[in-house]
Amino acid sequence: MRPQHYAKQIDLFDHVAGAYAQPESGPLRNAELYRMAVSRAQISKEHLNETLPIGKACSERSPIKQRIRWHQQELARLGLLQKVEGQRGVWELTETGKAKLRKARPDVAVLAFSTNLGVAIWGNCTKAFGDWNEPIFLGLSSPPFPLSRPRDYGNPPIEEYIKFICRTIAPLVRNLVKGGNLVLNLGDVFDRHSPAKSTYIEELTLALKAEFGLSLMNRIVWQSNKPPGPTQWASLKRTQLNEAYEFCLWFCNDPVACIANNQRVLEPHTAKHKKLIAKGGENRFSVNGDGAYRIKPGSYGRQTEGKLARNIFSVSNHCSSQRAYKKRARELGLATHGATMPLNLARKLVRFLTDVGQLVVDPFGGSMTTPLACELENREWAASEIVYDYVRGGAERFVDCPGFELAIDAL
């Protein structure tokens, strides 16, 4: 599953901007810029060097080189590019340019990298999946939270958040198979200047039901070793409790036909329970909870592969895979994602909600944790990410995967 329609070309302006935006580029001489821009645009060297009479003097010049220089000047006019002092024909990104050019434009979606199992797209998720027609078995993502103070990875204000999420997932929901699932990892946020929690999660749940007919299957609690907080209301004002979890909100388009299977995420029996099984189960009769719970001789004596998971997933934030990703990204001069999901959490959700070979999609790929979980669990995948640094750094996590091809540096 490697859809070819993602190997799209963006216009020459984007190729010029992209040449400067590659982290390893640094300052570029015009000759280097020409070479990189036409390589990204798949224009031949011969075509680059073709000349035509240009201007009043009808001087023989390359129209393509001229266009590249025009785009260079446009980037400078926008405050994204500056001349390197003391060097003729050498330009580099300004600090503003570094921040802006590495985020794809809303109308851009290009292949970043791929493996035998999936494709990663650098671009806006609605653009990336707007024309998607592959059957999707699971949408799994950790969207940006609606924080009052923006984060580096970008997040919409809470007033627009519900529409933002609905707009993003619409292509995924449209292609969900019968009984397909959607999981959104979201955490509580607080009303501005208040210790009261926002009700955005409840409002989003109702909106997904009203707009798409998605039923809430469970509020899986992801319990982790989060740092103490909220500092203002718990540590200073003393009017709140420290937060210990986030939600993995699990929705399904047809609950009765849901393709989830809890046998794929069985947990090990405790030593005590193993002893109980070994002796043939309980040897007593008991009634508890006004008859709701009954124990009789032989209860819990059947040999099983493991115990059923509860809807609280205890997974540490300390993730060796994420640490390795961040280390490698920094070595490449890339910004790292500031809000990553641990790989073990993604793997458990992927295993629970899909079977081998089924397609999982993540519209907010970030450091590409969901795709990596799919690789390890032998699921097909597709993901998009708007920030160049994140998708390029995430690609380093796949270099040993079968069929890995890096496309983003060659565009």
Protein backbone atom coordinates (compact mmCIF):
# COMPACT_ATOMS: atom_id res chain seq x y z
CA MET A 1 0.00 0.00 0.00
CA ARG A 2 2.02 2.93 -1.31
CA PRO A 3 -0.39 5.26 -3.11
CA GLN A 4 1.52 7.00 -5.86
CA HIS A 5 -0.68 10.09 -6.02
CA TYR A 6 1.18 11.54 -3.03
CA ALA A 7 4.35 12.04 -5.06
CA LYS A 8 2.97 15.41 -6.19
CA GLN A 9 4.96 18.42 -7.29
CA ILE A 10 4.66 21.85 -5.76
CA ASP A 11 5.35 24.99 -7.77
CA LEU A 12 8.82 26.43 -8.30
CA PHE A 13 8.40 28.98 -5.50
CA ASP A 14 7.97 26.13 -3.03
CA HIS A 15 11.01 24.35 -4.43
CA VAL A 16 13.13 27.47 -3.99
CA ALA A 17 11.84 27.93 -0.44
CA GLY A 18 12.30 24.24 0.25
CA ALA A 19 15.93 24.33 -0.86
CA TYR A 20 16.67 26.90 1.85
CA ALA A 21 14.45 25.14 4.39
CA GLN A 22 16.38 21.86 4.36
CA PRO A 23 18.26 21.83 7.68
CA GLU A 24 21.56 20.81 6.11
CA SER A 25 21.41 23.59 3.51
CA GLY A 26 22.53 26.60 5.52
CA PRO A 27 23.65 29.57 3.40
CA LEU A 28 23.35 28.84 -0.32
CA ARG A 29 25.19 30.26 -3.30
CA ASN A 30 22.99 30.84 -6.32
CA ALA A 31 24.62 27.97 -8.21
CA GLU A 32 23.74 25.60 -5.36
CA LEU A 33 20.23 27.03 -5.22
CA TYR A 34 19.69 26.40 -8.93
CA ARG A 35 20.86 22.81 -8.59
CA MET A 36 18.71 22.05 -5.56
CA ALA A 37 15.57 23.80 -6.80
CA VAL A 38 15.52 22.07 -10.19
CA SER A 39 16.33 18.73 -8.59
CA ARG A 40 13.33 19.12 -6.28
CA ALA A 41 11.15 20.14 -9.25
CA GLN A 42 12.51 17.29 -11.42
CA ILE A 43 13.75 19.71 -14.08
CA SER A 44 16.72 18.50 -16.09
CA LYS A 45 20.09 20.25 -16.03
CA GLU A 46 19.77 20.77 -19.78
CA HIS A 47 16.42 22.51 -19.36
CA LEU A 48 17.88 24.69 -16.59
CA ASN A 49 20.67 25.88 -18.86
CA GLU A 50 18.51 26.57 -21.92
CA THR A 51 18.59 30.27 -22.77
CA LEU A 52 16.29 32.71 -24.55
CA PRO A 53 16.66 36.39 -25.56
CA ILE A 54 15.40 38.29 -22.52
CA GLY A 55 14.89 42.01 -21.89
CA LYS A 56 15.33 45.04 -24.12
CA ALA A 57 18.89 44.03 -24.89
CA CYS A 58 17.71 40.51 -25.82
CA SER A 59 20.51 39.01 -23.75
CA GLU A 60 20.65 35.23 -23.74
CA ARG A 61 19.57 34.11 -20.27
CA SER A 62 17.99 31.11 -18.61
CA PRO A 63 14.28 31.75 -17.94
CA ILE A 64 14.31 29.15 -15.16
CA LYS A 65 17.27 30.74 -13.37
CA GLN A 66 15.55 34.10 -13.69
CA ARG A 67 12.37 32.71 -12.14
CA ILE A 68 14.38 31.21 -9.30
CA ARG A 69 15.98 34.57 -8.57
CA TRP A 70 12.56 36.27 -8.65
CA HIS A 71 11.33 33.80 -6.05
CA GLN A 72 14.48 34.43 -4.06
CA GLN A 73 13.71 38.15 -4.01
CA GLU A 74 10.10 37.44 -3.03
CA LEU A 75 11.33 35.42 -0.04
CA ALA A 76 13.56 38.33 0.92
CA ARG A 77 10.66 40.79 0.56
CA LEU A 78 8.63 38.59 2.91
CA GLY A 79 11.40 38.77 5.50
CA LEU A 80 12.20 35.06 5.17
CA LEU A 81 15.57 35.35 3.44
CA GLN A 82 18.62 37.57 3.88
CA LYS A 83 21.98 38.11 2.20
CA VAL A 84 25.03 36.74 3.99
CA GLU A 85 27.12 39.78 4.83
CA GLY A 86 30.38 40.05 2.88
CA GLN A 87 29.54 37.24 0.43
CA ARG A 88 28.19 37.92 -3.04
CA GLY A 89 25.27 35.81 -4.22
CA VAL A 90 24.95 33.93 -0.92
CA TRP A 91 21.61 33.90 0.91
CA GLU A 92 20.25 32.23 4.05
CA LEU A 93 17.02 32.01 6.01
CA THR A 94 16.21 34.63 8.61
CA GLU A 95 15.01 33.42 12.01
CA THR A 96 11.47 34.13 10.83
CA GLY A 97 12.13 32.10 7.70
CA LYS A 98 13.40 29.15 9.70
CA ALA A 99 10.19 29.17 11.70
CA LYS A 100 7.82 29.58 8.75
CA LEU A 101 9.30 27.83 5.74
CA ARG A 102 9.48 24.47 7.41
CA LYS A 103 5.70 24.37 7.81
CA ALA A 104 3.92 23.20 4.67
CA ARG A 105 1.41 25.51 3.01
CA PRO A 106 -2.28 24.52 3.38
CA ASP A 107 -2.49 23.49 -0.27
CA VAL A 108 0.64 21.31 -0.23
CA ALA A 109 0.89 17.54 0.32
CA VAL A 110 4.03 15.74 -0.83
CA LEU A 111 5.54 12.35 -0.14
CA ALA A 112 8.04 12.55 2.75
CA PHE A 113 9.07 8.93 3.15
CA SER A 114 7.67 5.45 2.72
CA THR A 115 8.12 1.80 3.64
CA ASN A 116 6.58 -1.40 2.36
CA LEU A 117 3.73 -0.84 4.81
CA GLY A 118 2.97 2.85 4.52
CA VAL A 119 3.50 6.45 3.46
CA ALA A 120 4.24 9.62 5.39
CA ILE A 121 3.08 12.89 3.86
CA TRP A 122 4.49 16.33 4.52
CA GLY A 123 1.48 18.59 4.33
CA ASN A 124 -1.85 19.66 5.68
CA CYS A 125 -3.91 16.64 6.77
CA THR A 126 -7.10 17.81 5.03
CA LYS A 127 -5.12 18.20 1.80
CA ALA A 128 -3.34 14.87 2.30
CA PHE A 129 -6.49 12.84 2.87
CA GLY A 130 -9.10 14.95 1.10
CA ASP A 131 -9.21 12.65 -1.94
CA TRP A 132 -8.45 9.46 -0.04
CA ASN A 133 -10.40 6.39 -1.11
CA GLU A 134 -8.62 3.55 0.70
CA PRO A 135 -10.62 1.63 3.37
CA ILE A 136 -9.47 2.71 6.84
CA PHE A 137 -9.78 0.41 9.85
CA LEU A 138 -8.47 2.79 12.51
CA GLY A 139 -7.80 6.50 12.84
CA LEU A 140 -5.38 6.96 15.72
CA SER A 141 -3.97 10.36 16.59
CA SER A 142 -2.90 12.73 19.31
CA PRO A 143 -4.17 16.11 18.06
CA PRO A 144 -2.81 19.37 19.47
CA PHE A 145 -4.72 20.31 22.61
CA PRO A 146 -6.73 23.57 22.64
CA LEU A 147 -4.35 25.39 24.97
CA SER A 148 -4.76 29.06 25.78
CA ARG A 149 -1.03 29.55 25.25
CA PRO A 150 0.15 28.31 21.81
CA ARG A 151 2.77 25.54 21.60
CA ASP A 152 5.52 25.23 18.98
CA TYR A 153 3.66 22.47 17.14
CA GLY A 154 0.62 24.71 16.70
CA ASN A 155 -2.80 24.49 18.26
CA PRO A 156 -6.09 26.21 17.53
CA PRO A 157 -7.87 28.32 20.16
CA ILE A 158 -10.48 26.45 22.14
CA GLU A 159 -13.31 28.45 20.52
CA GLU A 160 -12.47 26.90 17.13
CA TYR A 161 -11.33 23.50 18.33
CA ILE A 162 -14.47 21.44 17.73
CA LYS A 163 -14.77 22.61 14.11
CA PHE A 164 -11.05 22.07 13.63
CA ILE A 165 -11.20 18.43 14.74
CA CYS A 166 -14.37 17.70 12.76
CA ARG A 167 -12.87 19.22 9.62
CA THR A 168 -9.69 17.18 10.08
CA ILE A 169 -11.22 13.78 10.64
CA ALA A 170 -14.01 14.06 8.05
CA PRO A 171 -11.99 12.28 5.29
CA LEU A 172 -11.03 9.52 7.72
CA VAL A 173 -14.57 8.92 8.94
CA ARG A 174 -15.84 8.85 5.37
CA ASN A 175 -13.50 5.95 4.59
CA LEU A 176 -13.86 3.96 7.82
CA VAL A 177 -14.90 0.37 7.21
CA LYS A 178 -18.05 -0.89 8.92
CA GLY A 179 -17.10 -1.31 12.56
CA GLY A 180 -14.00 0.85 12.10
CA ASN A 181 -12.63 2.89 14.98
CA LEU A 182 -11.30 6.34 15.78
CA VAL A 183 -9.13 7.10 18.82
CA LEU A 184 -8.15 10.62 19.86
CA ASN A 185 -5.63 11.12 22.65
CA LEU A 186 -6.76 14.26 24.48
CA GLY A 187 -6.15 15.77 27.89
CA ASP A 188 -8.11 18.09 30.12
CA VAL A 189 -7.41 21.81 29.90
CA PHE A 190 -8.56 24.57 32.20
CA ASP A 191 -10.74 27.56 31.54
CA ARG A 192 -8.69 30.72 31.17
CA HIS A 193 -7.68 32.23 34.54
CA SER A 194 -9.75 29.59 36.35
CA PRO A 195 -9.24 26.29 38.19
CA ALA A 196 -12.37 24.95 36.44
CA LYS A 197 -11.87 22.43 33.68
CA SER A 198 -13.00 23.09 30.13
CA THR A 199 -15.85 20.94 28.85
CA TYR A 200 -14.35 20.76 25.35
CA ILE A 201 -13.96 16.97 25.54
CA GLU A 202 -17.64 16.52 26.31
CA GLU A 203 -18.58 19.02 23.60
CA LEU A 204 -16.35 17.24 21.08
CA THR A 205 -17.88 13.87 21.97
CA LEU A 206 -21.37 15.21 21.31
CA ALA A 207 -20.26 16.89 18.08
CA LEU A 208 -18.74 13.67 16.71
CA LYS A 209 -21.99 11.87 17.44
CA ALA A 210 -24.15 14.59 15.88
CA GLU A 211 -22.04 15.23 12.78
CA PHE A 212 -20.67 11.78 11.95
CA GLY A 213 -22.80 9.34 13.93
CA LEU A 214 -19.73 8.14 15.85
CA SER A 215 -20.58 6.31 19.07
CA LEU A 216 -18.38 6.65 22.14
CA MET A 217 -17.11 3.15 22.92
CA ASN A 218 -14.94 4.03 25.91
CA ARG A 219 -12.94 6.72 27.60
CA ILE A 220 -9.69 4.81 27.93
CA VAL A 221 -7.62 6.42 30.66
CA TRP A 222 -3.92 6.71 29.92
CA GLN A 223 -2.28 6.91 33.34
CA SER A 224 1.31 8.07 33.22
CA ASN A 225 4.05 9.67 35.25
CA LYS A 226 3.03 13.20 34.28
CA PRO A 227 4.88 16.03 36.07
CA PRO A 228 2.92 17.77 38.85
CA GLY A 229 0.37 20.24 37.61
CA PRO A 230 -1.52 22.46 37.07
CA THR A 231 1.09 24.46 38.98
CA GLN A 232 -1.05 27.58 39.48
CA TRP A 233 -4.08 25.79 40.91
CA ALA A 234 -2.56 22.72 42.57
CA SER A 235 0.85 23.87 43.83
CA LEU A 236 0.22 27.58 44.46
CA LYS A 237 -3.50 28.21 45.03
CA ARG A 238 -4.13 24.70 46.44
CA THR A 239 -7.59 24.52 44.90
CA GLN A 240 -6.98 21.62 42.50
CA LEU A 241 -5.47 18.14 42.41
CA ASN A 242 -2.42 17.13 40.38
CA GLU A 243 -3.26 15.61 37.01
CA ALA A 244 -2.35 11.94 36.51
CA TYR A 245 -3.91 10.92 33.21
CA GLU A 246 -5.14 11.77 29.73
CA PHE A 247 -7.97 10.24 27.73
CA CYS A 248 -7.85 8.04 24.68
CA LEU A 249 -11.40 8.66 23.46
CA TRP A 250 -12.49 5.64 21.44
CA PHE A 251 -15.29 5.99 18.88
CA CYS A 252 -16.85 3.53 16.43
CA ASN A 253 -19.12 4.05 13.42
CA ASP A 254 -21.01 0.77 14.05
CA PRO A 255 -20.61 -0.51 17.64
CA VAL A 256 -22.31 -3.86 17.03
CA ALA A 257 -19.92 -4.60 14.14
CA CYS A 258 -16.85 -3.17 15.95
CA ILE A 259 -13.62 -4.86 14.81
CA ALA A 260 -11.82 -4.42 18.18
CA ASN A 261 -10.71 -7.63 19.91
CA ASN A 262 -9.58 -7.64 23.54
CA GLN A 263 -7.87 -11.03 23.04
CA ARG A 264 -5.12 -9.16 21.19
CA VAL A 265 -4.20 -7.19 24.32
CA LEU A 266 -4.44 -9.79 27.07
CA GLU A 267 -2.30 -9.06 30.11
CA PRO A 268 -0.27 -11.61 32.11
CA HIS A 269 -1.99 -13.34 35.01
CA THR A 270 -0.67 -12.49 38.46
CA ALA A 271 1.25 -15.16 40.37
CA LYS A 272 -1.70 -15.41 42.78
CA HIS A 273 -4.17 -16.03 39.95
CA LYS A 274 -1.92 -18.64 38.37
CA LYS A 275 -1.99 -20.55 41.67
CA LEU A 276 -5.79 -20.29 41.72
CA ILE A 277 -5.99 -21.74 38.20
CA ALA A 278 -3.56 -24.52 39.13
CA LYS A 279 -5.74 -25.70 42.01
CA GLY A 280 -8.89 -25.70 39.88
CA GLY A 281 -10.37 -22.35 40.89
CA GLU A 282 -12.36 -21.29 43.92
CA ASN A 283 -13.66 -23.87 46.39
CA ARG A 284 -16.22 -21.61 48.05
CA PHE A 285 -19.64 -20.11 47.35
CA SER A 286 -20.16 -16.37 47.86
CA VAL A 287 -22.66 -13.70 46.87
CA ASN A 288 -21.60 -10.02 46.84
CA GLY A 289 -23.03 -6.69 45.72
CA ASP A 290 -26.68 -7.63 46.26
CA GLY A 291 -26.26 -10.63 44.01
CA ALA A 292 -24.41 -8.86 41.23
CA TYR A 293 -21.23 -10.87 41.85
CA ARG A 294 -21.37 -14.59 42.55
CA ILE A 295 -18.50 -16.96 43.25
CA LYS A 296 -19.02 -20.71 43.18
CA PRO A 297 -16.71 -23.71 43.35
CA GLY A 298 -14.59 -23.85 40.22
CA SER A 299 -14.83 -20.12 39.45
CA TYR A 300 -11.66 -18.73 37.84
CA GLY A 301 -10.25 -22.21 37.33
CA ARG A 302 -10.28 -22.25 33.54
CA GLN A 303 -6.87 -22.03 31.89
CA THR A 304 -6.62 -18.85 29.78
CA GLU A 305 -3.81 -17.07 27.95
CA GLY A 306 -4.12 -13.95 30.08
CA LYS A 307 -6.49 -11.57 31.79
CA LEU A 308 -8.69 -9.02 30.05
CA ALA A 309 -7.30 -5.49 30.00
CA ARG A 310 -9.16 -2.82 31.94
CA ASN A 311 -9.88 0.61 30.50
CA ILE A 312 -6.93 2.15 32.35
CA PHE A 313 -3.66 1.86 30.44
CA SER A 314 -0.64 2.53 32.66
CA VAL A 315 2.16 3.50 30.31
CA SER A 316 5.18 5.61 31.27
CA ASN A 317 6.00 8.84 29.47
CA HIS A 318 9.64 7.77 29.56
CA CYS A 319 10.05 6.19 26.14
CA SER A 320 13.43 5.02 24.80
CA SER A 321 12.16 5.22 21.23
CA GLN A 322 11.20 8.88 21.67
CA ARG A 323 14.55 9.66 23.30
CA ALA A 324 16.38 8.09 20.36
CA TYR A 325 14.22 10.08 17.90
CA LYS A 326 14.97 13.38 19.65
CA LYS A 327 18.68 12.66 19.83
CA ARG A 328 18.86 11.87 16.12
CA ALA A 329 16.71 14.87 15.15
CA ARG A 330 19.00 17.23 17.06
CA GLU A 331 22.03 15.71 15.32
CA LEU A 332 20.38 16.69 12.03
CA GLY A 333 19.68 20.22 13.25
CA LEU A 334 15.94 19.62 13.45
CA ALA A 335 13.42 20.87 15.96
CA THR A 336 11.87 18.05 18.00
CA HIS A 337 8.20 17.57 18.80
CA GLY A 338 7.31 18.74 22.29
CA ALA A 339 4.31 16.50 23.01
CA THR A 340 4.99 12.92 21.99
CA MET A 341 3.02 9.74 22.65
CA PRO A 342 4.98 6.78 24.08
CA LEU A 343 5.44 4.01 21.54
CA ASN A 344 4.06 1.33 23.87
CA LEU A 345 0.73 3.14 24.18
CA ALA A 346 0.37 3.42 20.40
CA ARG A 347 1.28 -0.25 19.93
CA LYS A 348 -1.34 -1.38 22.43
CA LEU A 349 -4.08 0.66 20.79
CA VAL A 350 -3.10 -0.50 17.29
CA ARG A 351 -3.07 -4.14 18.39
CA PHE A 352 -6.40 -3.88 20.22
CA LEU A 353 -8.32 -2.11 17.46
CA THR A 354 -6.94 -3.66 14.25
CA ASP A 355 -5.74 -6.96 12.86
CA VAL A 356 -2.54 -7.67 10.94
CA GLY A 357 -2.45 -5.97 7.53
CA GLN A 358 -5.27 -3.51 8.20
CA LEU A 359 -4.80 0.21 7.49
CA VAL A 360 -4.26 2.77 10.27
CA VAL A 361 -4.22 6.53 9.56
CA ASP A 362 -2.82 9.36 11.68
CA PRO A 363 -3.59 12.92 10.45
CA PHE A 364 -1.31 14.50 13.09
CA GLY A 365 1.77 12.35 12.62
CA GLY A 366 4.14 14.41 14.78
CA SER A 367 7.23 12.30 15.44
CA MET A 368 5.57 9.40 13.54
CA THR A 369 4.84 7.22 16.57
CA THR A 370 1.58 5.73 15.25
CA PRO A 371 3.25 4.67 11.96
CA LEU A 372 6.16 3.12 13.87
CA ALA A 373 3.71 1.20 16.06
CA CYS A 374 2.08 -0.08 12.86
CA GLU A 375 5.43 -1.19 11.47
CA LEU A 376 6.14 -3.16 14.63
CA GLU A 377 2.64 -4.67 14.70
CA ASN A 378 2.58 -5.41 10.93
CA ARG A 379 -0.26 -3.02 10.05
CA GLU A 380 -0.42 -0.81 7.00
CA TRP A 381 -0.34 2.92 7.70
CA ALA A 382 -0.57 6.44 6.33
CA ALA A 383 0.23 9.64 8.20
CA SER A 384 0.52 13.37 7.55
CA GLU A 385 2.44 16.10 9.35
CA ILE A 386 2.57 19.79 8.46
CA VAL A 387 5.90 20.63 10.13
CA TYR A 388 8.95 19.70 8.06
CA ASP A 389 11.26 19.16 11.03
CA TYR A 390 8.90 16.69 12.68
CA VAL A 391 8.27 14.51 9.65
CA ARG A 392 11.93 14.61 8.59
CA GLY A 393 13.11 13.73 12.09
CA GLY A 394 10.45 11.04 12.38
CA ALA A 395 11.73 9.46 9.18
CA GLU A 396 14.93 8.50 11.00
CA ARG A 397 12.90 6.03 13.08
CA PHE A 398 12.17 3.97 9.93
CA VAL A 399 15.58 3.60 8.29
CA ASP A 400 15.74 -0.12 9.16
CA CYS A 401 12.16 -0.87 8.08
CA PRO A 402 11.69 -2.95 4.89
CA GLY A 403 11.35 -0.80 1.79
CA PHE A 404 12.30 2.49 3.48
CA GLU A 405 12.72 5.36 1.01
CA LEU A 406 13.33 8.97 1.99
CA ALA A 407 11.73 11.37 -0.50
CA ILE A 408 11.55 14.68 1.33
CA ASP A 409 15.23 15.63 0.94
CA ALA A 410 15.17 14.82 -2.76
CA LEU A 411 12.12 16.96 -3.61
